[in-house]
C-alpha atoms as a PDB file:
ATOM      1  CA  MET A   1       3.512  23.872 -14.109  1.00  0.00           C
ATOM      2  CA  ASN A   2       6.605  25.331 -12.472  1.00  0.00           C
ATOM      3  CA  LYS A   3      10.218  24.168 -12.582  1.00  0.00           C
ATOM      4  CA  MET A   4       9.966  21.773  -9.631  1.00  0.00           C
ATOM      5  CA  ASP A   5       6.789  20.206 -11.041  1.00  0.00           C
ATOM      6  CA  LEU A   6       8.658  19.612 -14.299  1.00  0.00           C
ATOM      7  CA  VAL A   7      11.647  18.125 -12.455  1.00  0.00           C
ATOM      8  CA  ASN A   8       9.339  15.793 -10.515  1.00  0.00           C
ATOM      9  CA  LYS A   9       7.494  14.603 -13.660  1.00  0.00           C
ATOM     10  CA  ILE A  10      10.717  13.961 -15.601  1.00  0.00           C
ATOM     11  CA  SER A  11      12.224  12.177 -12.599  1.00  0.00           C
ATOM     12  CA  GLU A  12       9.189   9.879 -12.299  1.00  0.00           C
ATOM     13  CA  LYS A  13       9.119   9.050 -16.014  1.00  0.00           C
ATOM     14  CA  SER A  14      12.860   8.615 -16.530  1.00  0.00           C
ATOM     15  CA  GLY A  15      13.923   6.946 -13.285  1.00  0.00           C
ATOM     16  CA  LEU A  16      16.634   9.573 -12.767  1.00  0.00           C
ATOM     17  CA  THR A  17      17.056  11.319  -9.432  1.00  0.00           C
ATOM     18  CA  LYS A  18      15.503  14.733  -8.982  1.00  0.00           C
ATOM     19  CA  ARG A  19      18.975  16.207  -8.447  1.00  0.00           C
ATOM     20  CA  ASP A  20      20.190  14.789 -11.784  1.00  0.00           C
ATOM     21  CA  VAL A  21      17.112  16.035 -13.636  1.00  0.00           C
ATOM     22  CA  GLU A  22      17.477  19.499 -12.111  1.00  0.00           C
ATOM     23  CA  THR A  23      21.152  19.593 -13.131  1.00  0.00           C
ATOM     24  CA  VAL A  24      20.270  18.674 -16.706  1.00  0.00           C
ATOM     25  CA  LEU A  25      17.424  21.194 -16.823  1.00  0.00           C
ATOM     26  CA  ASN A  26      19.644  23.984 -15.451  1.00  0.00           C
ATOM     27  CA  SER A  27      22.343  23.074 -17.986  1.00  0.00           C
ATOM     28  CA  PHE A  28      19.802  23.175 -20.818  1.00  0.00           C
ATOM     29  CA  VAL A  29      18.519  26.603 -19.784  1.00  0.00           C
ATOM     30  CA  GLY A  30      22.081  27.883 -19.412  1.00  0.00           C
ATOM     31  CA  GLU A  31      23.135  26.639 -22.841  1.00  0.00           C
ATOM     32  CA  VAL A  32      20.054  28.109 -24.547  1.00  0.00           C
ATOM     33  CA  THR A  33      20.711  31.429 -22.779  1.00  0.00           C
ATOM     34  CA  GLU A  34      24.359  31.466 -23.876  1.00  0.00           C
ATOM     35  CA  ALA A  35      23.434  30.625 -27.470  1.00  0.00           C
ATOM     36  CA  LEU A  36      20.809  33.372 -27.636  1.00  0.00           C
ATOM     37  CA  SER A  37      23.226  35.863 -26.070  1.00  0.00           C
ATOM     38  CA  ALA A  38      25.707  35.039 -28.839  1.00  0.00           C
ATOM     39  CA  GLY A  39      23.010  35.598 -31.483  1.00  0.00           C
ATOM     40  CA  ASP A  40      22.594  31.903 -32.355  1.00  0.00           C
ATOM     41  CA  LYS A  41      19.380  29.906 -32.766  1.00  0.00           C
ATOM     42  CA  VAL A  42      18.597  26.731 -30.839  1.00  0.00           C
ATOM     43  CA  GLN A  43      16.457  24.413 -32.930  1.00  0.00           C
ATOM     44  CA  LEU A  44      14.844  21.283 -31.480  1.00  0.00           C
ATOM     45  CA  VAL A  45      13.233  19.452 -34.399  1.00  0.00           C
ATOM     46  CA  GLY A  46       9.557  18.798 -33.732  1.00  0.00           C
ATOM     47  CA  PHE A  47       9.525  20.948 -30.585  1.00  0.00           C
ATOM     48  CA  GLY A  48      10.496  24.418 -31.720  1.00  0.00           C
ATOM     49  CA  THR A  49      13.137  27.082 -32.186  1.00  0.00           C
ATOM     50  CA  PHE A  50      14.518  29.540 -29.661  1.00  0.00           C
ATOM     51  CA  GLU A  51      15.829  32.696 -31.353  1.00  0.00           C
ATOM     52  CA  THR A  52      16.282  36.402 -30.894  1.00  0.00           C
ATOM     53  CA  ARG A  53      14.358  39.084 -32.732  1.00  0.00           C
ATOM     54  CA  LYS A  54      15.123  42.742 -33.160  1.00  0.00           C
ATOM     55  CA  ARG A  55      12.379  45.102 -32.031  1.00  0.00           C
ATOM     56  CA  SER A  56      12.749  48.423 -33.844  1.00  0.00           C
ATOM     57  CA  GLY A  57      12.779  51.743 -32.047  1.00  0.00           C
ATOM     58  CA  ARG A  58       9.614  53.757 -31.960  1.00  0.00           C
ATOM     59  CA  THR A  59       7.892  56.701 -30.348  1.00  0.00           C
ATOM     60  CA  GLY A  60       5.643  55.932 -27.411  1.00  0.00           C
ATOM     61  CA  ARG A  61       3.630  57.907 -24.885  1.00  0.00           C
ATOM     62  CA  ASN A  62       4.290  58.422 -21.203  1.00  0.00           C
ATOM     63  CA  PRO A  63       1.155  56.955 -19.578  1.00  0.00           C
ATOM     64  CA  GLN A  64       1.225  59.460 -16.717  1.00  0.00           C
ATOM     65  CA  ASN A  65       1.139  62.656 -18.758  1.00  0.00           C
ATOM     66  CA  GLY A  66       0.872  61.652 -22.433  1.00  0.00           C
ATOM     67  CA  ASP A  67       4.221  63.187 -23.453  1.00  0.00           C
ATOM     68  CA  PRO A  68       5.962  61.432 -26.326  1.00  0.00           C
ATOM     69  CA  ILE A  69       9.053  59.379 -25.448  1.00  0.00           C
ATOM     70  CA  ALA A  70      11.628  57.633 -27.616  1.00  0.00           C
ATOM     71  CA  ILE A  71      11.718  53.855 -27.120  1.00  0.00           C
ATOM     72  CA  PRO A  72      15.065  52.496 -28.345  1.00  0.00           C
ATOM     73  CA  GLU A  73      15.405  49.353 -30.451  1.00  0.00           C
ATOM     74  CA  SER A  74      16.049  46.174 -28.513  1.00  0.00           C
ATOM     75  CA  VAL A  75      16.742  42.483 -28.985  1.00  0.00           C
ATOM     76  CA  ILE A  76      14.245  40.093 -27.398  1.00  0.00           C
ATOM     77  CA  PRO A  77      14.136  36.293 -27.031  1.00  0.00           C
ATOM     78  CA  ALA A  78      11.428  34.475 -28.976  1.00  0.00           C
ATOM     79  CA  PHE A  79      10.144  30.910 -29.323  1.00  0.00           C
ATOM     80  CA  LYS A  80       8.532  29.486 -32.430  1.00  0.00           C
ATOM     81  CA  ALA A  81       6.700  26.198 -31.851  1.00  0.00           C
ATOM     82  CA  GLY A  82       7.440  23.250 -34.134  1.00  0.00           C
ATOM     83  CA  ASN A  83       4.807  21.269 -36.025  1.00  0.00           C
ATOM     84  CA  LYS A  84       4.633  18.359 -33.571  1.00  0.00           C
ATOM     85  CA  LEU A  85       4.155  20.711 -30.611  1.00  0.00           C
ATOM     86  CA  ARG A  86       1.540  22.732 -32.471  1.00  0.00           C
ATOM     87  CA  ASP A  87      -0.370  19.590 -33.418  1.00  0.00           C
ATOM     88  CA  ALA A  88      -0.220  18.235 -29.845  1.00  0.00           C
ATOM     89  CA  VAL A  89      -1.702  21.442 -28.445  1.00  0.00           C
ATOM     90  CA  LYS A  90      -4.594  21.614 -30.939  1.00  0.00           C
END
């Protein structure tokens, strides 16, 4: 399912216009992005938690010639599914 499929489904079920649903969806994504950029968590009870995790630096290998390279630490976005979502997917 892509973004437009999601907008269409929500529009059908809620009775809102597609434009309104897309505005809300874009606002949601923007707010989650801003919160994660600021280092905050976004927790939706029953659905899951959006958070950031620190990936430590390590030594890797260049796949072309096998030489070792230093991979710096980084911060990545992560999603942890809530109990209701996990149970629904089972």
